[in-house]
Amino acid sequence: MDKGEGPGPFFAKIAERFRPQAIYGDPTRRHIFIVVDLKGPAEIAELCGRAHPKLAPLTLSRGKGLNPRPTLG
């Protein structure tokens, strides 16, 4: 990413493959938050590669919107 075309191709690949509902970036650090609906362990491995992300599963509750469960990892 640093020696190539920047983060654009990476984000394009993520958007095309996983269709995230939202992507939030922090310009002061090298970290992002991606909201995606992963179907299982294979998609988690594909998205994360060798990284060790903190995963925070979200569930929908009738009439209350998104409810985050405790962070894993």
PDB file of N, CA and C in Angstrom:
ATOM      1  N   MET A   1       0.824  -1.178   0.000  1.00  0.00           N
ATOM      2  CA  MET A   1       0.000   0.000   0.000  1.00  0.00           C
ATOM      3  C   MET A   1       0.878   1.254   0.000  1.00  0.00           C
ATOM      4  N   ASP A   2       1.935   1.258   0.822  1.00  0.00           N
ATOM      5  CA  ASP A   2       2.782   2.441   0.920  1.00  0.00           C
ATOM      6  C   ASP A   2       3.599   2.690  -0.340  1.00  0.00           C
ATOM      7  N   LYS A   3       4.028   1.623  -1.012  1.00  0.00           N
ATOM      8  CA  LYS A   3       4.884   1.766  -2.187  1.00  0.00           C
ATOM      9  C   LYS A   3       4.089   1.761  -3.489  1.00  0.00           C
ATOM     10  N   GLY A   4       2.824   1.517  -3.417  1.00  0.00           N
ATOM     11  CA  GLY A   4       2.002   1.406  -4.628  1.00  0.00           C
ATOM     12  C   GLY A   4       1.130   2.626  -4.854  1.00  0.00           C
ATOM     13  N   GLU A   5      -0.107   2.363  -5.185  1.00  0.00           N
ATOM     14  CA  GLU A   5      -1.055   3.415  -5.557  1.00  0.00           C
ATOM     15  C   GLU A   5      -1.834   3.958  -4.359  1.00  0.00           C
ATOM     16  N   GLY A   6      -1.399   3.662  -3.168  1.00  0.00           N
ATOM     17  CA  GLY A   6      -2.115   4.125  -1.985  1.00  0.00           C
ATOM     18  C   GLY A   6      -3.234   3.174  -1.609  1.00  0.00           C
ATOM     19  N   PRO A   7      -4.146   3.611  -0.749  1.00  0.00           N
ATOM     20  CA  PRO A   7      -5.192   2.713  -0.246  1.00  0.00           C
ATOM     21  C   PRO A   7      -6.365   2.494  -1.191  1.00  0.00           C
ATOM     22  N   GLY A   8      -6.456   3.252  -2.279  1.00  0.00           N
ATOM     23  CA  GLY A   8      -7.606   3.152  -3.185  1.00  0.00           C
ATOM     24  C   GLY A   8      -7.896   1.748  -3.682  1.00  0.00           C
ATOM     25  N   PRO A   9      -6.916   1.036  -4.264  1.00  0.00           N
ATOM     26  CA  PRO A   9      -7.189  -0.314  -4.755  1.00  0.00           C
ATOM     27  C   PRO A   9      -7.613  -1.286  -3.652  1.00  0.00           C
ATOM     28  N   PHE A  10      -7.050  -1.124  -2.460  1.00  0.00           N
ATOM     29  CA  PHE A  10      -7.440  -1.980  -1.329  1.00  0.00           C
ATOM     30  C   PHE A  10      -8.908  -1.775  -0.986  1.00  0.00           C
ATOM     31  N   PHE A  11      -9.325  -0.508  -0.851  1.00  0.00           N
ATOM     32  CA  PHE A  11     -10.722  -0.237  -0.501  1.00  0.00           C
ATOM     33  C   PHE A  11     -11.672  -0.638  -1.624  1.00  0.00           C
ATOM     34  N   ALA A  12     -11.245  -0.507  -2.871  1.00  0.00           N
ATOM     35  CA  ALA A  12     -12.077  -0.939  -3.995  1.00  0.00           C
ATOM     36  C   ALA A  12     -12.307  -2.451  -3.948  1.00  0.00           C
ATOM     37  N   LYS A  13     -11.255  -3.198  -3.619  1.00  0.00           N
ATOM     38  CA  LYS A  13     -11.373  -4.657  -3.514  1.00  0.00           C
ATOM     39  C   LYS A  13     -12.318  -5.046  -2.383  1.00  0.00           C
ATOM     40  N   ILE A  14     -12.177  -4.401  -1.231  1.00  0.00           N
ATOM     41  CA  ILE A  14     -13.061  -4.680  -0.087  1.00  0.00           C
ATOM     42  C   ILE A  14     -14.509  -4.361  -0.451  1.00  0.00           C
ATOM     43  N   ALA A  15     -14.731  -3.203  -1.087  1.00  0.00           N
ATOM     44  CA  ALA A  15     -16.090  -2.787  -1.442  1.00  0.00           C
ATOM     45  C   ALA A  15     -16.713  -3.748  -2.448  1.00  0.00           C
ATOM     46  N   GLU A  16     -15.940  -4.187  -3.429  1.00  0.00           N
ATOM     47  CA  GLU A  16     -16.460  -5.092  -4.447  1.00  0.00           C
ATOM     48  C   GLU A  16     -16.779  -6.472  -3.877  1.00  0.00           C
ATOM     49  N   ARG A  17     -15.893  -6.984  -3.040  1.00  0.00           N
ATOM     50  CA  ARG A  17     -16.052  -8.351  -2.525  1.00  0.00           C
ATOM     51  C   ARG A  17     -17.056  -8.461  -1.386  1.00  0.00           C
ATOM     52  N   PHE A  18     -17.003  -7.541  -0.425  1.00  0.00           N
ATOM     53  CA  PHE A  18     -17.795  -7.696   0.795  1.00  0.00           C
ATOM     54  C   PHE A  18     -18.985  -6.750   0.904  1.00  0.00           C
ATOM     55  N   ARG A  19     -19.084  -5.760   0.041  1.00  0.00           N
ATOM     56  CA  ARG A  19     -20.208  -4.801   0.060  1.00  0.00           C
ATOM     57  C   ARG A  19     -20.482  -4.274   1.469  1.00  0.00           C
ATOM     58  N   PRO A  20     -19.511  -3.591   2.076  1.00  0.00           N
ATOM     59  CA  PRO A  20     -19.707  -3.119   3.452  1.00  0.00           C
ATOM     60  C   PRO A  20     -20.841  -2.107   3.566  1.00  0.00           C
ATOM     61  N   GLN A  21     -21.520  -2.145   4.708  1.00  0.00           N
ATOM     62  CA  GLN A  21     -22.556  -1.164   4.982  1.00  0.00           C
ATOM     63  C   GLN A  21     -21.931   0.186   5.329  1.00  0.00           C
ATOM     64  N   ALA A  22     -20.722   0.155   5.886  1.00  0.00           N
ATOM     65  CA  ALA A  22     -20.027   1.391   6.253  1.00  0.00           C
ATOM     66  C   ALA A  22     -18.530   1.117   6.394  1.00  0.00           C
ATOM     67  N   ILE A  23     -17.730   2.148   6.112  1.00  0.00           N
ATOM     68  CA  ILE A  23     -16.290   2.109   6.356  1.00  0.00           C
ATOM     69  C   ILE A  23     -15.930   3.420   7.038  1.00  0.00           C
ATOM     70  N   TYR A  24     -15.302   3.320   8.183  1.00  0.00           N
ATOM     71  CA  TYR A  24     -14.857   4.496   8.923  1.00  0.00           C
ATOM     72  C   TYR A  24     -13.344   4.430   9.062  1.00  0.00           C
ATOM     73  N   GLY A  25     -12.669   5.525   8.759  1.00  0.00           N
ATOM     74  CA  GLY A  25     -11.220   5.563   8.884  1.00  0.00           C
ATOM     75  C   GLY A  25     -10.780   6.587   9.908  1.00  0.00           C
ATOM     76  N   ASP A  26      -9.603   6.385  10.443  1.00  0.00           N
ATOM     77  CA  ASP A  26      -8.994   7.323  11.377  1.00  0.00           C
ATOM     78  C   ASP A  26      -7.727   7.852  10.725  1.00  0.00           C
ATOM     79  N   PRO A  27      -7.724   9.089  10.221  1.00  0.00           N
ATOM     80  CA  PRO A  27      -6.564   9.606   9.498  1.00  0.00           C
ATOM     81  C   PRO A  27      -5.326   9.813  10.369  1.00  0.00           C
ATOM     82  N   THR A  28      -5.478   9.780  11.677  1.00  0.00           N
ATOM     83  CA  THR A  28      -4.331   9.982  12.559  1.00  0.00           C
ATOM     84  C   THR A  28      -3.619   8.674  12.874  1.00  0.00           C
ATOM     85  N   ARG A  29      -4.234   7.545  12.526  1.00  0.00           N
ATOM     86  CA  ARG A  29      -3.654   6.221  12.781  1.00  0.00           C
ATOM     87  C   ARG A  29      -3.920   5.332  11.583  1.00  0.00           C
ATOM     88  N   ARG A  30      -3.295   4.227  11.543  1.00  0.00           N
ATOM     89  CA  ARG A  30      -3.527   3.281  10.459  1.00  0.00           C
ATOM     90  C   ARG A  30      -4.534   2.238  10.915  1.00  0.00           C
ATOM     91  N   HIS A  31      -5.766   2.671  11.093  1.00  0.00           N
ATOM     92  CA  HIS A  31      -6.789   1.677  11.384  1.00  0.00           C
ATOM     93  C   HIS A  31      -8.132   2.127  10.835  1.00  0.00           C
ATOM     94  N   ILE A  32      -8.956   1.130  10.514  1.00  0.00           N
ATOM     95  CA  ILE A  32     -10.279   1.390   9.949  1.00  0.00           C
ATOM     96  C   ILE A  32     -11.300   0.499  10.636  1.00  0.00           C
ATOM     97  N   PHE A  33     -12.535   0.919  10.540  1.00  0.00           N
ATOM     98  CA  PHE A  33     -13.669   0.126  11.006  1.00  0.00           C
ATOM     99  C   PHE A  33     -14.498  -0.191   9.775  1.00  0.00           C
ATOM    100  N   ILE A  34     -14.771  -1.467   9.560  1.00  0.00           N
ATOM    101  CA  ILE A  34     -15.558  -1.898   8.413  1.00  0.00           C
ATOM    102  C   ILE A  34     -16.769  -2.655   8.936  1.00  0.00           C
ATOM    103  N   VAL A  35     -17.945  -2.259   8.502  1.00  0.00           N
ATOM    104  CA  VAL A  35     -19.172  -2.936   8.901  1.00  0.00           C
ATOM    105  C   VAL A  35     -19.610  -3.819   7.736  1.00  0.00           C
ATOM    106  N   VAL A  36     -19.454  -5.141   7.922  1.00  0.00           N
ATOM    107  CA  VAL A  36     -19.815  -6.102   6.876  1.00  0.00           C
ATOM    108  C   VAL A  36     -20.569  -7.271   7.485  1.00  0.00           C
ATOM    109  N   ASP A  37     -21.323  -7.962   6.651  1.00  0.00           N
ATOM    110  CA  ASP A  37     -22.039  -9.162   7.071  1.00  0.00           C
ATOM    111  C   ASP A  37     -21.247 -10.356   6.561  1.00  0.00           C
ATOM    112  N   LEU A  38     -20.419 -10.942   7.420  1.00  0.00           N
ATOM    113  CA  LEU A  38     -19.597 -12.087   7.041  1.00  0.00           C
ATOM    114  C   LEU A  38     -20.384 -13.367   7.281  1.00  0.00           C
ATOM    115  N   LYS A  39     -20.309 -14.270   6.324  1.00  0.00           N
ATOM    116  CA  LYS A  39     -21.120 -15.488   6.371  1.00  0.00           C
ATOM    117  C   LYS A  39     -20.491 -16.635   7.155  1.00  0.00           C
ATOM    118  N   GLY A  40     -19.232 -16.517   7.557  1.00  0.00           N
ATOM    119  CA  GLY A  40     -18.612 -17.602   8.308  1.00  0.00           C
ATOM    120  C   GLY A  40     -17.110 -17.445   8.398  1.00  0.00           C
ATOM    121  N   PRO A  41     -16.437 -18.454   8.956  1.00  0.00           N
ATOM    122  CA  PRO A  41     -14.989 -18.394   9.173  1.00  0.00           C
ATOM    123  C   PRO A  41     -14.173 -18.169   7.898  1.00  0.00           C
ATOM    124  N   ALA A  42     -14.617 -18.724   6.777  1.00  0.00           N
ATOM    125  CA  ALA A  42     -13.862 -18.547   5.529  1.00  0.00           C
ATOM    126  C   ALA A  42     -13.839 -17.086   5.103  1.00  0.00           C
ATOM    127  N   GLU A  43     -14.953 -16.397   5.230  1.00  0.00           N
ATOM    128  CA  GLU A  43     -14.987 -14.979   4.866  1.00  0.00           C
ATOM    129  C   GLU A  43     -14.207 -14.128   5.862  1.00  0.00           C
ATOM    130  N   ILE A  44     -14.221 -14.512   7.121  1.00  0.00           N
ATOM    131  CA  ILE A  44     -13.420 -13.785   8.114  1.00  0.00           C
ATOM    132  C   ILE A  44     -11.945 -13.909   7.754  1.00  0.00           C
ATOM    133  N   ALA A  45     -11.504 -15.113   7.429  1.00  0.00           N
ATOM    134  CA  ALA A  45     -10.104 -15.332   7.061  1.00  0.00           C
ATOM    135  C   ALA A  45      -9.741 -14.582   5.784  1.00  0.00           C
ATOM    136  N   GLU A  46     -10.646 -14.575   4.823  1.00  0.00           N
ATOM    137  CA  GLU A  46     -10.389 -13.866   3.565  1.00  0.00           C
ATOM    138  C   GLU A  46     -10.248 -12.364   3.792  1.00  0.00           C
ATOM    139  N   LEU A  47     -11.107 -11.808   4.609  1.00  0.00           N
ATOM    140  CA  LEU A  47     -11.067 -10.366   4.866  1.00  0.00           C
ATOM    141  C   LEU A  47      -9.857  -9.974   5.706  1.00  0.00           C
ATOM    142  N   CYS A  48      -9.559 -10.744   6.721  1.00  0.00           N
ATOM    143  CA  CYS A  48      -8.525 -10.363   7.687  1.00  0.00           C
ATOM    144  C   CYS A  48      -7.127 -10.804   7.297  1.00  0.00           C
ATOM    145  N   GLY A  49      -7.005 -11.838   6.484  1.00  0.00           N
ATOM    146  CA  GLY A  49      -5.678 -12.326   6.115  1.00  0.00           C
ATOM    147  C   GLY A  49      -4.893 -12.711   7.354  1.00  0.00           C
ATOM    148  N   ARG A  50      -3.695 -12.184   7.484  1.00  0.00           N
ATOM    149  CA  ARG A  50      -2.836 -12.504   8.630  1.00  0.00           C
ATOM    150  C   ARG A  50      -2.993 -11.523   9.783  1.00  0.00           C
ATOM    151  N   ALA A  51      -3.846 -10.540   9.612  1.00  0.00           N
ATOM    152  CA  ALA A  51      -4.065  -9.547  10.672  1.00  0.00           C
ATOM    153  C   ALA A  51      -4.786 -10.184  11.858  1.00  0.00           C
ATOM    154  N   HIS A  52      -4.733  -9.549  12.973  1.00  0.00           N
ATOM    155  CA  HIS A  52      -5.422 -10.006  14.177  1.00  0.00           C
ATOM    156  C   HIS A  52      -6.390  -8.915  14.626  1.00  0.00           C
ATOM    157  N   PRO A  53      -7.510  -8.789  13.929  1.00  0.00           N
ATOM    158  CA  PRO A  53      -8.442  -7.711  14.247  1.00  0.00           C
ATOM    159  C   PRO A  53      -9.248  -8.009  15.509  1.00  0.00           C
ATOM    160  N   LYS A  54      -9.818  -6.971  16.060  1.00  0.00           N
ATOM    161  CA  LYS A  54     -10.799  -7.133  17.133  1.00  0.00           C
ATOM    162  C   LYS A  54     -12.154  -7.165  16.456  1.00  0.00           C
ATOM    163  N   LEU A  55     -12.875  -8.256  16.644  1.00  0.00           N
ATOM    164  CA  LEU A  55     -14.187  -8.406  16.036  1.00  0.00           C
ATOM    165  C   LEU A  55     -15.261  -8.093  17.059  1.00  0.00           C
ATOM    166  N   ALA A  56     -16.232  -7.309  16.656  1.00  0.00           N
ATOM    167  CA  ALA A  56     -17.354  -6.976  17.525  1.00  0.00           C
ATOM    168  C   ALA A  56     -18.640  -7.344  16.787  1.00  0.00           C
ATOM    169  N   PRO A  57     -19.159  -8.546  17.004  1.00  0.00           N
ATOM    170  CA  PRO A  57     -20.403  -8.945  16.339  1.00  0.00           C
ATOM    171  C   PRO A  57     -21.560  -8.029  16.739  1.00  0.00           C
ATOM    172  N   LEU A  58     -22.412  -7.757  15.782  1.00  0.00           N
ATOM    173  CA  LEU A  58     -23.593  -6.939  16.027  1.00  0.00           C
ATOM    174  C   LEU A  58     -24.825  -7.777  15.738  1.00  0.00           C
ATOM    175  N   THR A  59     -25.859  -7.566  16.519  1.00  0.00           N
ATOM    176  CA  THR A  59     -27.124  -8.249  16.283  1.00  0.00           C
ATOM    177  C   THR A  59     -28.226  -7.213  16.178  1.00  0.00           C
ATOM    178  N   LEU A  60     -29.263  -7.566  15.452  1.00  0.00           N
ATOM    179  CA  LEU A  60     -30.415  -6.676  15.346  1.00  0.00           C
ATOM    180  C   LEU A  60     -31.445  -7.070  16.388  1.00  0.00           C
ATOM    181  N   SER A  61     -32.001  -6.087  17.045  1.00  0.00           N
ATOM    182  CA  SER A  61     -33.039  -6.318  18.039  1.00  0.00           C
ATOM    183  C   SER A  61     -34.274  -5.555  17.587  1.00  0.00           C
ATOM    184  N   ARG A  62     -35.407  -6.186  17.609  1.00  0.00           N
ATOM    185  CA  ARG A  62     -36.631  -5.536  17.129  1.00  0.00           C
ATOM    186  C   ARG A  62     -36.861  -4.190  17.799  1.00  0.00           C
ATOM    187  N   GLY A  63     -36.947  -3.173  16.959  1.00  0.00           N
ATOM    188  CA  GLY A  63     -37.266  -1.840  17.449  1.00  0.00           C
ATOM    189  C   GLY A  63     -36.121  -1.113  18.137  1.00  0.00           C
ATOM    190  N   LYS A  64     -34.960  -1.764  18.282  1.00  0.00           N
ATOM    191  CA  LYS A  64     -33.870  -1.121  19.014  1.00  0.00           C
ATOM    192  C   LYS A  64     -32.629  -0.908  18.150  1.00  0.00           C
ATOM    193  N   GLY A  65     -32.633  -1.336  16.891  1.00  0.00           N
ATOM    194  CA  GLY A  65     -31.464  -1.151  16.035  1.00  0.00           C
ATOM    195  C   GLY A  65     -30.356  -2.127  16.367  1.00  0.00           C
ATOM    196  N   LEU A  66     -29.124  -1.717  16.102  1.00  0.00           N
ATOM    197  CA  LEU A  66     -27.976  -2.589  16.317  1.00  0.00           C
ATOM    198  C   LEU A  66     -27.575  -2.657  17.779  1.00  0.00           C
ATOM    199  N   ASN A  67     -27.277  -3.862  18.230  1.00  0.00           N
ATOM    200  CA  ASN A  67     -26.815  -4.083  19.604  1.00  0.00           C
ATOM    201  C   ASN A  67     -25.467  -4.784  19.561  1.00  0.00           C
ATOM    202  N   PRO A  68     -24.389  -4.079  19.871  1.00  0.00           N
ATOM    203  CA  PRO A  68     -23.097  -4.758  19.853  1.00  0.00           C
ATOM    204  C   PRO A  68     -22.955  -5.723  21.027  1.00  0.00           C
ATOM    205  N   ARG A  69     -22.374  -6.867  20.727  1.00  0.00           N
ATOM    206  CA  ARG A  69     -22.024  -7.826  21.774  1.00  0.00           C
ATOM    207  C   ARG A  69     -20.594  -7.534  22.207  1.00  0.00           C
ATOM    208  N   PRO A  70     -20.116  -8.121  23.276  1.00  0.00           N
ATOM    209  CA  PRO A  70     -18.741  -7.846  23.720  1.00  0.00           C
ATOM    210  C   PRO A  70     -17.712  -8.150  22.630  1.00  0.00           C
ATOM    211  N   THR A  71     -16.656  -7.361  22.597  1.00  0.00           N
ATOM    212  CA  THR A  71     -15.576  -7.537  21.640  1.00  0.00           C
ATOM    213  C   THR A  71     -14.884  -8.868  21.858  1.00  0.00           C
ATOM    214  N   LEU A  72     -14.592  -9.557  20.762  1.00  0.00           N
ATOM    215  CA  LEU A  72     -13.875 -10.822  20.830  1.00  0.00           C
ATOM    216  C   LEU A  72     -12.401 -10.574  20.598  1.00  0.00           C
ATOM    217  N   GLY A  73     -11.556 -11.458  21.122  1.00  0.00           N
ATOM    218  CA  GLY A  73     -10.130 -11.394  20.822  1.00  0.00           C
ATOM    219  C   GLY A  73      -9.394 -10.655  21.820  1.00  0.00           C
TER     220      GLY A  73
END
